[in-house]
Amino acid sequence: MLNFVIGAVAGALMAAVATIAALRNPDVQLRMGLVQPAPVILPLRRPEPACPPAAQAGTGAPPTIGHPDLLFSRRRFWSVTP
């Protein structure tokens, strides 16, 4: 008799934990109707892509990014803060 009671209490606790864990999932909340789905907002127009400045585009030289010693700069290694 005691085994039955202990098993029933353990089963009820596991079922309660599984139910609470499932109800915290947003997909389950939507399926059960606990929350309303967020409205879908579609953009009306795509934003224009950012183009490089016209001054560098006309020279034919590749654009420069950063400094050549950027990777091995001592100042970069010592200025890192935790």
PDB file of N, CA and C in Angstrom:
ATOM      1  N   MET A   1       0.834  -1.192   0.000  1.00  0.00           N
ATOM      2  CA  MET A   1       0.000   0.000   0.000  1.00  0.00           C
ATOM      3  C   MET A   1       0.878   1.256   0.000  1.00  0.00           C
ATOM      4  N   LEU A   2       1.944   1.228   0.796  1.00  0.00           N
ATOM      5  CA  LEU A   2       2.832   2.382   0.858  1.00  0.00           C
ATOM      6  C   LEU A   2       3.545   2.601  -0.489  1.00  0.00           C
ATOM      7  N   ASN A   3       3.907   1.482  -1.167  1.00  0.00           N
ATOM      8  CA  ASN A   3       4.536   1.614  -2.488  1.00  0.00           C
ATOM      9  C   ASN A   3       3.596   2.298  -3.467  1.00  0.00           C
ATOM     10  N   PHE A   4       2.323   1.984  -3.421  1.00  0.00           N
ATOM     11  CA  PHE A   4       1.345   2.601  -4.307  1.00  0.00           C
ATOM     12  C   PHE A   4       1.240   4.096  -4.038  1.00  0.00           C
ATOM     13  N   VAL A   5       1.197   4.484  -2.787  1.00  0.00           N
ATOM     14  CA  VAL A   5       1.077   5.896  -2.441  1.00  0.00           C
ATOM     15  C   VAL A   5       2.332   6.661  -2.870  1.00  0.00           C
ATOM     16  N   ILE A   6       3.492   6.106  -2.585  1.00  0.00           N
ATOM     17  CA  ILE A   6       4.738   6.771  -2.969  1.00  0.00           C
ATOM     18  C   ILE A   6       4.842   6.862  -4.494  1.00  0.00           C
ATOM     19  N   GLY A   7       4.478   5.813  -5.204  1.00  0.00           N
ATOM     20  CA  GLY A   7       4.499   5.825  -6.666  1.00  0.00           C
ATOM     21  C   GLY A   7       3.516   6.829  -7.242  1.00  0.00           C
ATOM     22  N   ALA A   8       2.322   6.925  -6.633  1.00  0.00           N
ATOM     23  CA  ALA A   8       1.327   7.878  -7.116  1.00  0.00           C
ATOM     24  C   ALA A   8       1.797   9.317  -6.898  1.00  0.00           C
ATOM     25  N   VAL A   9       2.407   9.581  -5.757  1.00  0.00           N
ATOM     26  CA  VAL A   9       2.919  10.930  -5.482  1.00  0.00           C
ATOM     27  C   VAL A   9       4.067  11.257  -6.438  1.00  0.00           C
ATOM     28  N   ALA A  10       4.967  10.321  -6.672  1.00  0.00           N
ATOM     29  CA  ALA A  10       6.084  10.546  -7.579  1.00  0.00           C
ATOM     30  C   ALA A  10       5.575  10.770  -9.005  1.00  0.00           C
ATOM     31  N   GLY A  11       4.602   9.989  -9.431  1.00  0.00           N
ATOM     32  CA  GLY A  11       4.026  10.160 -10.764  1.00  0.00           C
ATOM     33  C   GLY A  11       3.336  11.505 -10.913  1.00  0.00           C
ATOM     34  N   ALA A  12       2.615  11.922  -9.877  1.00  0.00           N
ATOM     35  CA  ALA A  12       1.945  13.222  -9.928  1.00  0.00           C
ATOM     36  C   ALA A  12       2.960  14.360  -9.991  1.00  0.00           C
ATOM     37  N   LEU A  13       4.053  14.245  -9.241  1.00  0.00           N
ATOM     38  CA  LEU A  13       5.095  15.276  -9.292  1.00  0.00           C
ATOM     39  C   LEU A  13       5.751  15.335 -10.670  1.00  0.00           C
ATOM     40  N   MET A  14       6.032  14.178 -11.270  1.00  0.00           N
ATOM     41  CA  MET A  14       6.631  14.172 -12.603  1.00  0.00           C
ATOM     42  C   MET A  14       5.669  14.745 -13.634  1.00  0.00           C
ATOM     43  N   ALA A  15       4.392  14.424 -13.526  1.00  0.00           N
ATOM     44  CA  ALA A  15       3.406  14.961 -14.459  1.00  0.00           C
ATOM     45  C   ALA A  15       3.280  16.473 -14.290  1.00  0.00           C
ATOM     46  N   ALA A  16       3.335  16.959 -13.057  1.00  0.00           N
ATOM     47  CA  ALA A  16       3.241  18.397 -12.822  1.00  0.00           C
ATOM     48  C   ALA A  16       4.457  19.123 -13.397  1.00  0.00           C
ATOM     49  N   VAL A  17       5.638  18.589 -13.202  1.00  0.00           N
ATOM     50  CA  VAL A  17       6.855  19.209 -13.727  1.00  0.00           C
ATOM     51  C   VAL A  17       6.839  19.198 -15.250  1.00  0.00           C
ATOM     52  N   ALA A  18       6.424  18.087 -15.865  1.00  0.00           N
ATOM     53  CA  ALA A  18       6.365  18.018 -17.326  1.00  0.00           C
ATOM     54  C   ALA A  18       5.340  18.992 -17.887  1.00  0.00           C
ATOM     55  N   THR A  19       4.200  19.142 -17.203  1.00  0.00           N
ATOM     56  CA  THR A  19       3.175  20.078 -17.673  1.00  0.00           C
ATOM     57  C   THR A  19       3.661  21.512 -17.579  1.00  0.00           C
ATOM     58  N   ILE A  20       4.283  21.865 -16.471  1.00  0.00           N
ATOM     59  CA  ILE A  20       4.791  23.229 -16.319  1.00  0.00           C
ATOM     60  C   ILE A  20       5.880  23.509 -17.349  1.00  0.00           C
ATOM     61  N   ALA A  21       6.766  22.547 -17.583  1.00  0.00           N
ATOM     62  CA  ALA A  21       7.829  22.746 -18.574  1.00  0.00           C
ATOM     63  C   ALA A  21       7.245  22.895 -19.980  1.00  0.00           C
ATOM     64  N   ALA A  22       6.211  22.135 -20.298  1.00  0.00           N
ATOM     65  CA  ALA A  22       5.594  22.238 -21.626  1.00  0.00           C
ATOM     66  C   ALA A  22       4.859  23.557 -21.791  1.00  0.00           C
ATOM     67  N   LEU A  23       4.191  24.021 -20.752  1.00  0.00           N
ATOM     68  CA  LEU A  23       3.428  25.257 -20.866  1.00  0.00           C
ATOM     69  C   LEU A  23       4.318  26.494 -20.914  1.00  0.00           C
ATOM     70  N   ARG A  24       5.587  26.363 -20.560  1.00  0.00           N
ATOM     71  CA  ARG A  24       6.506  27.502 -20.669  1.00  0.00           C
ATOM     72  C   ARG A  24       7.022  27.660 -22.099  1.00  0.00           C
ATOM     73  N   ASN A  25       6.801  26.648 -22.956  1.00  0.00           N
ATOM     74  CA  ASN A  25       7.243  26.701 -24.344  1.00  0.00           C
ATOM     75  C   ASN A  25       6.278  27.579 -25.142  1.00  0.00           C
ATOM     76  N   PRO A  26       6.787  28.572 -25.888  1.00  0.00           N
ATOM     77  CA  PRO A  26       5.898  29.479 -26.632  1.00  0.00           C
ATOM     78  C   PRO A  26       5.042  28.769 -27.687  1.00  0.00           C
ATOM     79  N   ASP A  27       5.574  27.705 -28.321  1.00  0.00           N
ATOM     80  CA  ASP A  27       4.785  26.989 -29.325  1.00  0.00           C
ATOM     81  C   ASP A  27       3.582  26.303 -28.690  1.00  0.00           C
ATOM     82  N   VAL A  28       3.766  25.717 -27.519  1.00  0.00           N
ATOM     83  CA  VAL A  28       2.659  25.060 -26.827  1.00  0.00           C
ATOM     84  C   VAL A  28       1.640  26.097 -26.368  1.00  0.00           C
ATOM     85  N   GLN A  29       2.114  27.258 -25.923  1.00  0.00           N
ATOM     86  CA  GLN A  29       1.202  28.319 -25.511  1.00  0.00           C
ATOM     87  C   GLN A  29       0.330  28.772 -26.678  1.00  0.00           C
ATOM     88  N   LEU A  30       0.913  28.871 -27.874  1.00  0.00           N
ATOM     89  CA  LEU A  30       0.131  29.253 -29.048  1.00  0.00           C
ATOM     90  C   LEU A  30      -0.898  28.184 -29.396  1.00  0.00           C
ATOM     91  N   ARG A  31      -0.489  26.903 -29.368  1.00  0.00           N
ATOM     92  CA  ARG A  31      -1.407  25.828 -29.720  1.00  0.00           C
ATOM     93  C   ARG A  31      -2.566  25.716 -28.744  1.00  0.00           C
ATOM     94  N   MET A  32      -2.320  25.994 -27.474  1.00  0.00           N
ATOM     95  CA  MET A  32      -3.391  25.892 -26.478  1.00  0.00           C
ATOM     96  C   MET A  32      -4.218  27.163 -26.397  1.00  0.00           C
ATOM     97  N   GLY A  33      -3.796  28.215 -27.077  1.00  0.00           N
ATOM     98  CA  GLY A  33      -4.554  29.451 -27.080  1.00  0.00           C
ATOM     99  C   GLY A  33      -4.340  30.302 -25.849  1.00  0.00           C
ATOM    100  N   LEU A  34      -3.222  30.107 -25.156  1.00  0.00           N
ATOM    101  CA  LEU A  34      -2.947  30.898 -23.956  1.00  0.00           C
ATOM    102  C   LEU A  34      -2.485  32.307 -24.299  1.00  0.00           C
ATOM    103  N   VAL A  35      -1.813  32.460 -25.438  1.00  0.00           N
ATOM    104  CA  VAL A  35      -1.360  33.777 -25.893  1.00  0.00           C
ATOM    105  C   VAL A  35      -1.785  33.952 -27.335  1.00  0.00           C
ATOM    106  N   GLN A  36      -1.926  35.192 -27.762  1.00  0.00           N
ATOM    107  CA  GLN A  36      -2.287  35.490 -29.143  1.00  0.00           C
ATOM    108  C   GLN A  36      -1.016  35.540 -29.989  1.00  0.00           C
ATOM    109  N   PRO A  37      -1.082  35.056 -31.221  1.00  0.00           N
ATOM    110  CA  PRO A  37       0.120  35.134 -32.073  1.00  0.00           C
ATOM    111  C   PRO A  37       0.436  36.572 -32.436  1.00  0.00           C
ATOM    112  N   ALA A  38       1.718  36.854 -32.562  1.00  0.00           N
ATOM    113  CA  ALA A  38       2.154  38.201 -32.924  1.00  0.00           C
ATOM    114  C   ALA A  38       1.795  38.459 -34.380  1.00  0.00           C
ATOM    115  N   PRO A  39       1.304  39.655 -34.690  1.00  0.00           N
ATOM    116  CA  PRO A  39       0.966  39.949 -36.082  1.00  0.00           C
ATOM    117  C   PRO A  39       2.220  39.994 -36.956  1.00  0.00           C
ATOM    118  N   VAL A  40       2.077  39.506 -38.170  1.00  0.00           N
ATOM    119  CA  VAL A  40       3.196  39.498 -39.105  1.00  0.00           C
ATOM    120  C   VAL A  40       3.226  40.841 -39.821  1.00  0.00           C
ATOM    121  N   ILE A  41       4.358  41.526 -39.709  1.00  0.00           N
ATOM    122  CA  ILE A  41       4.518  42.831 -40.351  1.00  0.00           C
ATOM    123  C   ILE A  41       5.533  42.672 -41.474  1.00  0.00           C
ATOM    124  N   LEU A  42       5.084  42.886 -42.702  1.00  0.00           N
ATOM    125  CA  LEU A  42       5.966  42.770 -43.843  1.00  0.00           C
ATOM    126  C   LEU A  42       6.435  44.154 -44.263  1.00  0.00           C
ATOM    127  N   PRO A  43       7.711  44.306 -44.547  1.00  0.00           N
ATOM    128  CA  PRO A  43       8.177  45.623 -45.001  1.00  0.00           C
ATOM    129  C   PRO A  43       7.606  45.915 -46.387  1.00  0.00           C
ATOM    130  N   LEU A  44       7.225  47.158 -46.621  1.00  0.00           N
ATOM    131  CA  LEU A  44       6.645  47.527 -47.896  1.00  0.00           C
ATOM    132  C   LEU A  44       7.694  47.643 -48.989  1.00  0.00           C
ATOM    133  N   ARG A  45       8.886  48.085 -48.620  1.00  0.00           N
ATOM    134  CA  ARG A  45       9.934  48.290 -49.600  1.00  0.00           C
ATOM    135  C   ARG A  45      11.272  47.868 -49.020  1.00  0.00           C
ATOM    136  N   ARG A  46      12.090  47.250 -49.848  1.00  0.00           N
ATOM    137  CA  ARG A  46      13.419  46.865 -49.394  1.00  0.00           C
ATOM    138  C   ARG A  46      14.294  48.083 -49.237  1.00  0.00           C
ATOM    139  N   PRO A  47      15.105  48.147 -48.186  1.00  0.00           N
ATOM    140  CA  PRO A  47      16.008  49.298 -48.054  1.00  0.00           C
ATOM    141  C   PRO A  47      17.089  49.254 -49.127  1.00  0.00           C
ATOM    142  N   GLU A  48      17.534  50.420 -49.510  1.00  0.00           N
ATOM    143  CA  GLU A  48      18.586  50.526 -50.523  1.00  0.00           C
ATOM    144  C   GLU A  48      19.913  50.053 -49.930  1.00  0.00           C
ATOM    145  N   PRO A  49      20.722  49.314 -50.697  1.00  0.00           N
ATOM    146  CA  PRO A  49      22.019  48.864 -50.177  1.00  0.00           C
ATOM    147  C   PRO A  49      22.990  50.031 -50.031  1.00  0.00           C
ATOM    148  N   ALA A  50      23.864  49.927 -49.067  1.00  0.00           N
ATOM    149  CA  ALA A  50      24.860  50.973 -48.838  1.00  0.00           C
ATOM    150  C   ALA A  50      25.974  50.819 -49.863  1.00  0.00           C
ATOM    151  N   CYS A  51      26.254  51.871 -50.599  1.00  0.00           N
ATOM    152  CA  CYS A  51      27.287  51.858 -51.631  1.00  0.00           C
ATOM    153  C   CYS A  51      28.544  52.529 -51.089  1.00  0.00           C
ATOM    154  N   PRO A  52      29.705  52.129 -51.601  1.00  0.00           N
ATOM    155  CA  PRO A  52      30.935  52.806 -51.167  1.00  0.00           C
ATOM    156  C   PRO A  52      30.943  54.237 -51.680  1.00  0.00           C
ATOM    157  N   PRO A  53      31.711  55.112 -51.038  1.00  0.00           N
ATOM    158  CA  PRO A  53      31.782  56.501 -51.505  1.00  0.00           C
ATOM    159  C   PRO A  53      32.301  56.568 -52.942  1.00  0.00           C
ATOM    160  N   ALA A  54      31.843  57.556 -53.686  1.00  0.00           N
ATOM    161  CA  ALA A  54      32.212  57.675 -55.092  1.00  0.00           C
ATOM    162  C   ALA A  54      33.683  58.033 -55.270  1.00  0.00           C
ATOM    163  N   ALA A  55      34.319  58.655 -54.283  1.00  0.00           N
ATOM    164  CA  ALA A  55      35.714  59.061 -54.413  1.00  0.00           C
ATOM    165  C   ALA A  55      36.629  57.845 -54.522  1.00  0.00           C
ATOM    166  N   GLN A  56      36.379  56.789 -53.739  1.00  0.00           N
ATOM    167  CA  GLN A  56      37.228  55.601 -53.796  1.00  0.00           C
ATOM    168  C   GLN A  56      36.845  54.697 -54.957  1.00  0.00           C
ATOM    169  N   ALA A  57      35.583  54.741 -55.367  1.00  0.00           N
ATOM    170  CA  ALA A  57      35.146  53.848 -56.427  1.00  0.00           C
ATOM    171  C   ALA A  57      35.766  54.219 -57.764  1.00  0.00           C
ATOM    172  N   GLY A  58      36.042  55.493 -58.008  1.00  0.00           N
ATOM    173  CA  GLY A  58      36.571  55.926 -59.293  1.00  0.00           C
ATOM    174  C   GLY A  58      38.072  55.772 -59.422  1.00  0.00           C
ATOM    175  N   THR A  59      38.823  55.579 -58.357  1.00  0.00           N
ATOM    176  CA  THR A  59      40.283  55.533 -58.429  1.00  0.00           C
ATOM    177  C   THR A  59      40.790  54.200 -58.946  1.00  0.00           C
ATOM    178  N   GLY A  60      40.055  53.142 -58.817  1.00  0.00           N
ATOM    179  CA  GLY A  60      40.496  51.836 -59.278  1.00  0.00           C
ATOM    180  C   GLY A  60      41.339  51.097 -58.259  1.00  0.00           C
ATOM    181  N   ALA A  61      41.766  51.752 -57.176  1.00  0.00           N
ATOM    182  CA  ALA A  61      42.558  51.097 -56.143  1.00  0.00           C
ATOM    183  C   ALA A  61      41.630  50.353 -55.187  1.00  0.00           C
ATOM    184  N   PRO A  62      42.070  49.229 -54.655  1.00  0.00           N
ATOM    185  CA  PRO A  62      41.211  48.517 -53.700  1.00  0.00           C
ATOM    186  C   PRO A  62      41.046  49.340 -52.415  1.00  0.00           C
ATOM    187  N   PRO A  63      39.903  49.279 -51.806  1.00  0.00           N
ATOM    188  CA  PRO A  63      39.704  50.060 -50.580  1.00  0.00           C
ATOM    189  C   PRO A  63      40.569  49.531 -49.441  1.00  0.00           C
ATOM    190  N   THR A  64      41.030  50.406 -48.595  1.00  0.00           N
ATOM    191  CA  THR A  64      41.851  50.011 -47.458  1.00  0.00           C
ATOM    192  C   THR A  64      40.955  49.803 -46.246  1.00  0.00           C
ATOM    193  N   ILE A  65      41.207  48.715 -45.561  1.00  0.00           N
ATOM    194  CA  ILE A  65      40.434  48.395 -44.367  1.00  0.00           C
ATOM    195  C   ILE A  65      41.409  48.281 -43.207  1.00  0.00           C
ATOM    196  N   GLY A  66      41.329  49.181 -42.255  1.00  0.00           N
ATOM    197  CA  GLY A  66      42.186  49.131 -41.081  1.00  0.00           C
ATOM    198  C   GLY A  66      43.616  49.523 -41.403  1.00  0.00           C
ATOM    199  N   HIS A  67      44.526  49.104 -40.540  1.00  0.00           N
ATOM    200  CA  HIS A  67      45.943  49.392 -40.689  1.00  0.00           C
ATOM    201  C   HIS A  67      46.676  48.076 -40.897  1.00  0.00           C
ATOM    202  N   PRO A  68      47.822  48.096 -41.565  1.00  0.00           N
ATOM    203  CA  PRO A  68      48.556  46.839 -41.783  1.00  0.00           C
ATOM    204  C   PRO A  68      49.015  46.176 -40.485  1.00  0.00           C
ATOM    205  N   ASP A  69      49.300  46.967 -39.463  1.00  0.00           N
ATOM    206  CA  ASP A  69      49.788  46.373 -38.218  1.00  0.00           C
ATOM    207  C   ASP A  69      48.657  46.172 -37.201  1.00  0.00           C
ATOM    208  N   LEU A  70      47.446  46.048 -37.674  1.00  0.00           N
ATOM    209  CA  LEU A  70      46.312  45.934 -36.765  1.00  0.00           C
ATOM    210  C   LEU A  70      46.349  44.621 -35.976  1.00  0.00           C
ATOM    211  N   LEU A  71      46.783  43.545 -36.621  1.00  0.00           N
ATOM    212  CA  LEU A  71      46.770  42.254 -35.936  1.00  0.00           C
ATOM    213  C   LEU A  71      47.863  42.139 -34.884  1.00  0.00           C
ATOM    214  N   PHE A  72      49.011  42.772 -35.116  1.00  0.00           N
ATOM    215  CA  PHE A  72      50.149  42.586 -34.227  1.00  0.00           C
ATOM    216  C   PHE A  72      50.480  43.847 -33.442  1.00  0.00           C
ATOM    217  N   SER A  73      49.522  44.668 -33.206  1.00  0.00           N
ATOM    218  CA  SER A  73      49.759  45.904 -32.475  1.00  0.00           C
ATOM    219  C   SER A  73      49.888  45.603 -30.983  1.00  0.00           C
ATOM    220  N   ARG A  74      50.960  46.096 -30.357  1.00  0.00           N
ATOM    221  CA  ARG A  74      51.131  45.883 -28.909  1.00  0.00           C
ATOM    222  C   ARG A  74      50.070  46.631 -28.124  1.00  0.00           C
ATOM    223  N   ARG A  75      49.665  47.785 -28.627  1.00  0.00           N
ATOM    224  CA  ARG A  75      48.647  48.577 -27.935  1.00  0.00           C
ATOM    225  C   ARG A  75      47.327  47.811 -27.879  1.00  0.00           C
ATOM    226  N   ARG A  76      47.016  47.046 -28.926  1.00  0.00           N
ATOM    227  CA  ARG A  76      45.777  46.278 -28.949  1.00  0.00           C
ATOM    228  C   ARG A  76      45.784  45.197 -27.874  1.00  0.00           C
ATOM    229  N   PHE A  77      46.910  44.532 -27.685  1.00  0.00           N
ATOM    230  CA  PHE A  77      46.966  43.467 -26.681  1.00  0.00           C
ATOM    231  C   PHE A  77      46.906  44.005 -25.261  1.00  0.00           C
ATOM    232  N   TRP A  78      47.493  45.157 -25.005  1.00  0.00           N
ATOM    233  CA  TRP A  78      47.549  45.674 -23.657  1.00  0.00           C
ATOM    234  C   TRP A  78      46.318  46.501 -23.299  1.00  0.00           C
ATOM    235  N   SER A  79      45.506  46.891 -24.287  1.00  0.00           N
ATOM    236  CA  SER A  79      44.343  47.712 -23.957  1.00  0.00           C
ATOM    237  C   SER A  79      43.068  46.890 -23.731  1.00  0.00           C
ATOM    238  N   VAL A  80      43.191  45.585 -23.730  1.00  0.00           N
ATOM    239  CA  VAL A  80      42.017  44.735 -23.507  1.00  0.00           C
ATOM    240  C   VAL A  80      41.678  44.762 -22.031  1.00  0.00           C
ATOM    241  N   THR A  81      40.418  45.055 -21.731  1.00  0.00           N
ATOM    242  CA  THR A  81      39.979  45.075 -20.328  1.00  0.00           C
ATOM    243  C   THR A  81      39.051  43.900 -20.074  1.00  0.00           C
ATOM    244  N   PRO A  82      39.092  43.330 -18.893  1.00  0.00           N
ATOM    245  CA  PRO A  82      38.220  42.186 -18.609  1.00  0.00           C
ATOM    246  C   PRO A  82      36.769  42.588 -18.436  1.00  0.00           C
TER     247      PRO A  82
END
